[in-house]
Amino acid sequence: VQLQASGGGSVQAGSSLQLSCAASGGSFSRFGLGWFRQTPGKEREFVAAISVSGRKTRYVDSVKGRFTISRDNGKKMTYLQMNDLKIEDTAVYYCYGMNVWGKGTLVTVSS
């Protein structure tokens, strides 16, 4: 089982980015999925999660109303739409699912 996140980049505050996470192998549609992020010197923190069906989602307070997590079980993909990005959103973002961490993708937000 492997997860690969992509879509990171360098943007200005107020911009949008969409992160994608592709899964290979495993029973993708049977697991909840999540996005986490980490900055140097800090612990990895929870950002968002989505249920197996996609009907239930959960977010850390700091991204509520700005980020949206979604999934496509047929394509074995999960997404994190990030709008109105803030400097404090700068981090390496990781997807998690099926007890596996994906390789991170760097998001840098500047003023």
N, C-alpha and C. Protein backbone atom coordinates (compact mmCIF):
# COMPACT_ATOMS: atom_id res chain seq x y z
N VAL A 1 0.84 -1.19 0.00
CA VAL A 1 0.00 0.00 0.00
C VAL A 1 0.88 1.24 0.00
N GLN A 2 0.59 2.17 -0.88
CA GLN A 2 1.34 3.42 -0.94
C GLN A 2 0.40 4.58 -1.15
N LEU A 3 0.76 5.70 -0.55
CA LEU A 3 0.04 6.95 -0.77
C LEU A 3 1.03 8.00 -1.25
N GLN A 4 0.62 8.78 -2.21
CA GLN A 4 1.50 9.81 -2.74
C GLN A 4 0.74 11.12 -2.83
N ALA A 5 1.20 12.09 -2.05
CA ALA A 5 0.57 13.41 -2.07
C ALA A 5 1.24 14.28 -3.11
N SER A 6 0.47 15.17 -3.70
CA SER A 6 1.00 16.11 -4.68
C SER A 6 0.16 17.37 -4.68
N GLY A 7 0.64 18.39 -5.39
CA GLY A 7 -0.14 19.61 -5.53
C GLY A 7 0.37 20.78 -4.72
N GLY A 8 1.40 20.56 -3.92
CA GLY A 8 1.93 21.66 -3.14
C GLY A 8 2.62 22.68 -4.02
N GLY A 9 2.96 23.80 -3.43
CA GLY A 9 3.63 24.84 -4.18
C GLY A 9 3.80 26.08 -3.34
N SER A 10 4.29 27.13 -3.98
CA SER A 10 4.49 28.41 -3.33
C SER A 10 3.46 29.39 -3.84
N VAL A 11 2.68 29.94 -2.93
CA VAL A 11 1.62 30.86 -3.32
C VAL A 11 1.59 32.05 -2.38
N GLN A 12 0.85 33.06 -2.76
CA GLN A 12 0.68 34.22 -1.90
C GLN A 12 -0.53 34.03 -1.00
N ALA A 13 -0.50 34.71 0.11
CA ALA A 13 -1.63 34.66 1.03
C ALA A 13 -2.92 35.05 0.29
N GLY A 14 -3.98 34.31 0.61
CA GLY A 14 -5.26 34.54 -0.05
C GLY A 14 -5.50 33.65 -1.25
N SER A 15 -4.46 32.96 -1.68
CA SER A 15 -4.58 32.09 -2.85
C SER A 15 -5.18 30.74 -2.48
N SER A 16 -5.35 29.91 -3.50
CA SER A 16 -5.90 28.57 -3.31
C SER A 16 -4.96 27.52 -3.89
N LEU A 17 -5.00 26.36 -3.32
CA LEU A 17 -4.29 25.19 -3.83
C LEU A 17 -5.16 23.96 -3.59
N GLN A 18 -5.00 22.99 -4.45
CA GLN A 18 -5.65 21.72 -4.20
C GLN A 18 -4.59 20.63 -4.11
N LEU A 19 -4.55 19.96 -2.99
CA LEU A 19 -3.65 18.82 -2.82
C LEU A 19 -4.39 17.55 -3.22
N SER A 20 -3.64 16.63 -3.77
CA SER A 20 -4.19 15.34 -4.15
C SER A 20 -3.36 14.25 -3.50
N CYS A 21 -4.00 13.13 -3.24
CA CYS A 21 -3.31 11.98 -2.67
C CYS A 21 -3.80 10.75 -3.40
N ALA A 22 -2.88 10.09 -4.08
CA ALA A 22 -3.21 8.90 -4.85
C ALA A 22 -2.79 7.66 -4.09
N ALA A 23 -3.67 6.69 -4.05
CA ALA A 23 -3.38 5.43 -3.37
C ALA A 23 -3.13 4.33 -4.38
N SER A 24 -2.23 3.47 -4.03
CA SER A 24 -2.00 2.26 -4.84
C SER A 24 -2.02 1.07 -3.90
N GLY A 25 -2.78 0.07 -4.29
CA GLY A 25 -2.90 -1.10 -3.43
C GLY A 25 -3.85 -0.84 -2.27
N GLY A 26 -4.17 -1.87 -1.55
CA GLY A 26 -4.99 -1.73 -0.36
C GLY A 26 -6.47 -1.59 -0.66
N SER A 27 -7.25 -1.65 0.42
CA SER A 27 -8.71 -1.53 0.30
C SER A 27 -9.10 -0.10 0.59
N PHE A 28 -8.85 0.76 -0.35
CA PHE A 28 -9.01 2.20 -0.18
C PHE A 28 -10.39 2.57 0.34
N SER A 29 -11.41 1.99 -0.26
CA SER A 29 -12.78 2.39 0.06
C SER A 29 -13.25 1.92 1.42
N ARG A 30 -12.45 1.19 2.14
CA ARG A 30 -12.84 0.69 3.46
C ARG A 30 -12.24 1.50 4.60
N PHE A 31 -11.46 2.53 4.28
CA PHE A 31 -10.76 3.28 5.31
C PHE A 31 -11.11 4.76 5.28
N GLY A 32 -11.19 5.33 6.47
CA GLY A 32 -11.22 6.77 6.55
C GLY A 32 -9.86 7.31 6.15
N LEU A 33 -9.84 8.58 5.76
CA LEU A 33 -8.60 9.20 5.27
C LEU A 33 -8.40 10.53 5.97
N GLY A 34 -7.16 10.95 6.01
CA GLY A 34 -6.90 12.22 6.67
C GLY A 34 -5.74 12.96 6.05
N TRP A 35 -5.71 14.25 6.32
CA TRP A 35 -4.59 15.10 5.97
C TRP A 35 -3.99 15.66 7.26
N PHE A 36 -2.68 15.70 7.29
CA PHE A 36 -1.94 16.26 8.41
C PHE A 36 -0.89 17.20 7.85
N ARG A 37 -0.31 18.02 8.72
CA ARG A 37 0.75 18.90 8.27
C ARG A 37 1.80 19.06 9.37
N GLN A 38 2.98 19.42 8.94
CA GLN A 38 4.09 19.55 9.89
C GLN A 38 5.02 20.65 9.45
N THR A 39 5.44 21.45 10.43
CA THR A 39 6.44 22.48 10.20
C THR A 39 7.68 22.11 11.01
N PRO A 40 8.84 22.62 10.61
CA PRO A 40 10.08 22.27 11.31
C PRO A 40 10.00 22.55 12.81
N GLY A 41 10.40 21.57 13.59
CA GLY A 41 10.43 21.74 15.04
C GLY A 41 9.11 21.52 15.73
N LYS A 42 8.09 21.22 14.96
CA LYS A 42 6.78 20.98 15.56
C LYS A 42 6.29 19.58 15.25
N GLU A 43 5.36 19.12 16.05
CA GLU A 43 4.78 17.81 15.81
C GLU A 43 3.80 17.88 14.63
N ARG A 44 3.63 16.75 14.01
CA ARG A 44 2.65 16.67 12.92
C ARG A 44 1.26 16.90 13.51
N GLU A 45 0.49 17.76 12.85
CA GLU A 45 -0.83 18.07 13.38
C GLU A 45 -1.93 17.65 12.41
N PHE A 46 -3.06 17.30 13.00
CA PHE A 46 -4.23 16.92 12.23
C PHE A 46 -4.80 18.15 11.51
N VAL A 47 -5.22 17.95 10.27
CA VAL A 47 -5.84 19.03 9.51
C VAL A 47 -7.29 18.69 9.17
N ALA A 48 -7.49 17.52 8.57
CA ALA A 48 -8.84 17.17 8.13
C ALA A 48 -8.96 15.67 7.99
N ALA A 49 -10.19 15.18 8.11
CA ALA A 49 -10.45 13.75 7.95
C ALA A 49 -11.78 13.56 7.25
N ILE A 50 -11.90 12.42 6.59
CA ILE A 50 -13.13 12.11 5.87
C ILE A 50 -13.47 10.64 6.09
N SER A 51 -14.75 10.37 6.22
CA SER A 51 -15.20 9.00 6.48
C SER A 51 -15.12 8.14 5.22
N VAL A 52 -15.39 6.88 5.39
CA VAL A 52 -15.34 5.93 4.28
C VAL A 52 -16.27 6.36 3.14
N SER A 53 -17.48 6.76 3.52
CA SER A 53 -18.46 7.14 2.51
C SER A 53 -18.23 8.54 1.96
N GLY A 54 -17.50 9.33 2.72
CA GLY A 54 -17.29 10.72 2.33
C GLY A 54 -18.33 11.67 2.89
N ARG A 55 -19.32 11.13 3.58
CA ARG A 55 -20.41 11.99 4.07
C ARG A 55 -20.05 12.73 5.35
N LYS A 56 -19.06 12.22 6.07
CA LYS A 56 -18.66 12.88 7.31
C LYS A 56 -17.25 13.43 7.16
N THR A 57 -17.07 14.66 7.58
CA THR A 57 -15.75 15.28 7.55
C THR A 57 -15.49 15.98 8.87
N ARG A 58 -14.23 16.21 9.13
CA ARG A 58 -13.82 16.87 10.38
C ARG A 58 -12.59 17.69 10.09
N TYR A 59 -12.51 18.86 10.74
CA TYR A 59 -11.40 19.78 10.49
C TYR A 59 -10.85 20.34 11.78
N VAL A 60 -9.59 20.68 11.74
CA VAL A 60 -9.03 21.46 12.84
C VAL A 60 -9.64 22.86 12.75
N ASP A 61 -9.83 23.48 13.88
CA ASP A 61 -10.53 24.78 13.90
C ASP A 61 -9.89 25.81 12.99
N SER A 62 -8.58 25.80 12.89
CA SER A 62 -7.88 26.85 12.15
C SER A 62 -8.13 26.83 10.64
N VAL A 63 -8.68 25.72 10.11
CA VAL A 63 -8.91 25.64 8.68
C VAL A 63 -10.40 25.55 8.33
N LYS A 64 -11.23 25.49 9.33
CA LYS A 64 -12.68 25.38 9.08
C LYS A 64 -13.16 26.57 8.24
N GLY A 65 -13.94 26.24 7.21
CA GLY A 65 -14.46 27.28 6.33
C GLY A 65 -13.51 27.64 5.21
N ARG A 66 -12.28 27.19 5.27
CA ARG A 66 -11.30 27.48 4.21
C ARG A 66 -10.86 26.22 3.46
N PHE A 67 -10.75 25.11 4.16
CA PHE A 67 -10.29 23.85 3.56
C PHE A 67 -11.46 22.89 3.41
N THR A 68 -11.40 22.08 2.37
CA THR A 68 -12.42 21.05 2.14
C THR A 68 -11.74 19.75 1.74
N ILE A 69 -12.03 18.70 2.49
CA ILE A 69 -11.50 17.39 2.16
C ILE A 69 -12.56 16.61 1.39
N SER A 70 -12.11 15.84 0.42
CA SER A 70 -13.03 15.02 -0.37
C SER A 70 -12.30 13.75 -0.79
N ARG A 71 -13.06 12.82 -1.34
CA ARG A 71 -12.46 11.58 -1.80
C ARG A 71 -13.22 11.04 -3.00
N ASP A 72 -12.52 10.27 -3.78
CA ASP A 72 -13.11 9.57 -4.93
C ASP A 72 -12.67 8.12 -4.80
N ASN A 73 -13.55 7.29 -4.28
CA ASN A 73 -13.17 5.90 -4.04
C ASN A 73 -12.89 5.15 -5.34
N GLY A 74 -13.57 5.51 -6.39
CA GLY A 74 -13.34 4.85 -7.67
C GLY A 74 -11.95 5.10 -8.21
N LYS A 75 -11.44 6.28 -7.96
CA LYS A 75 -10.10 6.65 -8.44
C LYS A 75 -9.04 6.45 -7.36
N LYS A 76 -9.45 6.05 -6.17
CA LYS A 76 -8.52 5.88 -5.05
C LYS A 76 -7.76 7.19 -4.81
N MET A 77 -8.52 8.26 -4.73
CA MET A 77 -7.92 9.57 -4.53
C MET A 77 -8.59 10.29 -3.36
N THR A 78 -7.82 11.09 -2.67
CA THR A 78 -8.38 12.03 -1.72
C THR A 78 -7.80 13.40 -2.02
N TYR A 79 -8.57 14.44 -1.74
CA TYR A 79 -8.17 15.79 -2.09
C TYR A 79 -8.32 16.71 -0.88
N LEU A 80 -7.52 17.75 -0.90
CA LEU A 80 -7.68 18.81 0.10
C LEU A 80 -7.67 20.13 -0.65
N GLN A 81 -8.85 20.71 -0.77
CA GLN A 81 -8.97 22.02 -1.39
C GLN A 81 -8.70 23.07 -0.33
N MET A 82 -7.73 23.92 -0.57
CA MET A 82 -7.32 24.92 0.40
C MET A 82 -7.54 26.29 -0.20
N ASN A 83 -8.44 27.03 0.39
CA ASN A 83 -8.75 28.39 -0.06
C ASN A 83 -8.32 29.41 0.97
N ASP A 84 -8.16 30.63 0.51
CA ASP A 84 -7.79 31.73 1.42
C ASP A 84 -6.59 31.34 2.30
N LEU A 85 -5.57 30.87 1.65
CA LEU A 85 -4.40 30.39 2.38
C LEU A 85 -3.75 31.51 3.19
N LYS A 86 -3.26 31.13 4.35
CA LYS A 86 -2.60 32.07 5.25
C LYS A 86 -1.14 31.64 5.43
N ILE A 87 -0.32 32.57 5.86
CA ILE A 87 1.10 32.28 6.05
C ILE A 87 1.27 31.10 7.01
N GLU A 88 0.42 31.04 8.01
CA GLU A 88 0.53 29.97 9.00
C GLU A 88 0.12 28.60 8.46
N ASP A 89 -0.38 28.54 7.23
CA ASP A 89 -0.68 27.26 6.61
C ASP A 89 0.57 26.63 5.98
N THR A 90 1.66 27.39 5.96
CA THR A 90 2.90 26.87 5.42
C THR A 90 3.34 25.62 6.19
N ALA A 91 3.55 24.53 5.47
CA ALA A 91 3.91 23.26 6.10
C ALA A 91 4.10 22.21 5.02
N VAL A 92 4.61 21.09 5.45
CA VAL A 92 4.59 19.89 4.60
C VAL A 92 3.30 19.15 4.93
N TYR A 93 2.53 18.86 3.92
CA TYR A 93 1.23 18.22 4.10
C TYR A 93 1.34 16.73 3.75
N TYR A 94 0.74 15.92 4.60
CA TYR A 94 0.78 14.47 4.43
C TYR A 94 -0.65 13.92 4.39
N CYS A 95 -0.86 12.94 3.57
CA CYS A 95 -2.12 12.21 3.62
C CYS A 95 -1.88 10.91 4.39
N TYR A 96 -2.96 10.45 5.00
CA TYR A 96 -2.88 9.25 5.83
C TYR A 96 -4.10 8.39 5.58
N GLY A 97 -3.86 7.09 5.46
CA GLY A 97 -4.97 6.17 5.29
C GLY A 97 -4.47 4.74 5.19
N MET A 98 -5.32 3.83 5.52
CA MET A 98 -4.96 2.40 5.46
C MET A 98 -3.70 2.13 6.28
N ASN A 99 -3.56 2.90 7.39
CA ASN A 99 -2.41 2.75 8.29
C ASN A 99 -1.09 3.09 7.61
N VAL A 100 -1.15 3.93 6.61
CA VAL A 100 0.05 4.30 5.86
C VAL A 100 0.12 5.82 5.73
N TRP A 101 1.33 6.35 5.85
CA TRP A 101 1.56 7.77 5.60
C TRP A 101 2.07 7.93 4.18
N GLY A 102 1.54 8.92 3.51
CA GLY A 102 2.08 9.25 2.20
C GLY A 102 3.27 10.17 2.33
N LYS A 103 4.04 10.27 1.27
CA LYS A 103 5.13 11.25 1.25
C LYS A 103 4.52 12.64 1.19
N GLY A 104 5.13 13.58 1.87
CA GLY A 104 4.53 14.89 1.98
C GLY A 104 4.70 15.75 0.75
N THR A 105 3.93 16.81 0.73
CA THR A 105 4.05 17.82 -0.31
C THR A 105 4.10 19.18 0.38
N LEU A 106 5.04 20.01 -0.04
CA LEU A 106 5.31 21.27 0.64
C LEU A 106 4.39 22.38 0.13
N VAL A 107 3.78 23.06 1.07
CA VAL A 107 2.98 24.24 0.77
C VAL A 107 3.63 25.43 1.46
N THR A 108 3.97 26.44 0.67
CA THR A 108 4.58 27.64 1.20
C THR A 108 3.70 28.83 0.85
N VAL A 109 3.27 29.55 1.88
CA VAL A 109 2.41 30.71 1.69
C VAL A 109 3.16 31.95 2.13
N SER A 110 3.27 32.91 1.25
CA SER A 110 3.99 34.13 1.56
C SER A 110 3.06 35.34 1.49
N SER A 111 3.52 36.41 2.10
CA SER A 111 2.69 37.64 2.13
C SER A 111 2.84 38.43 0.85
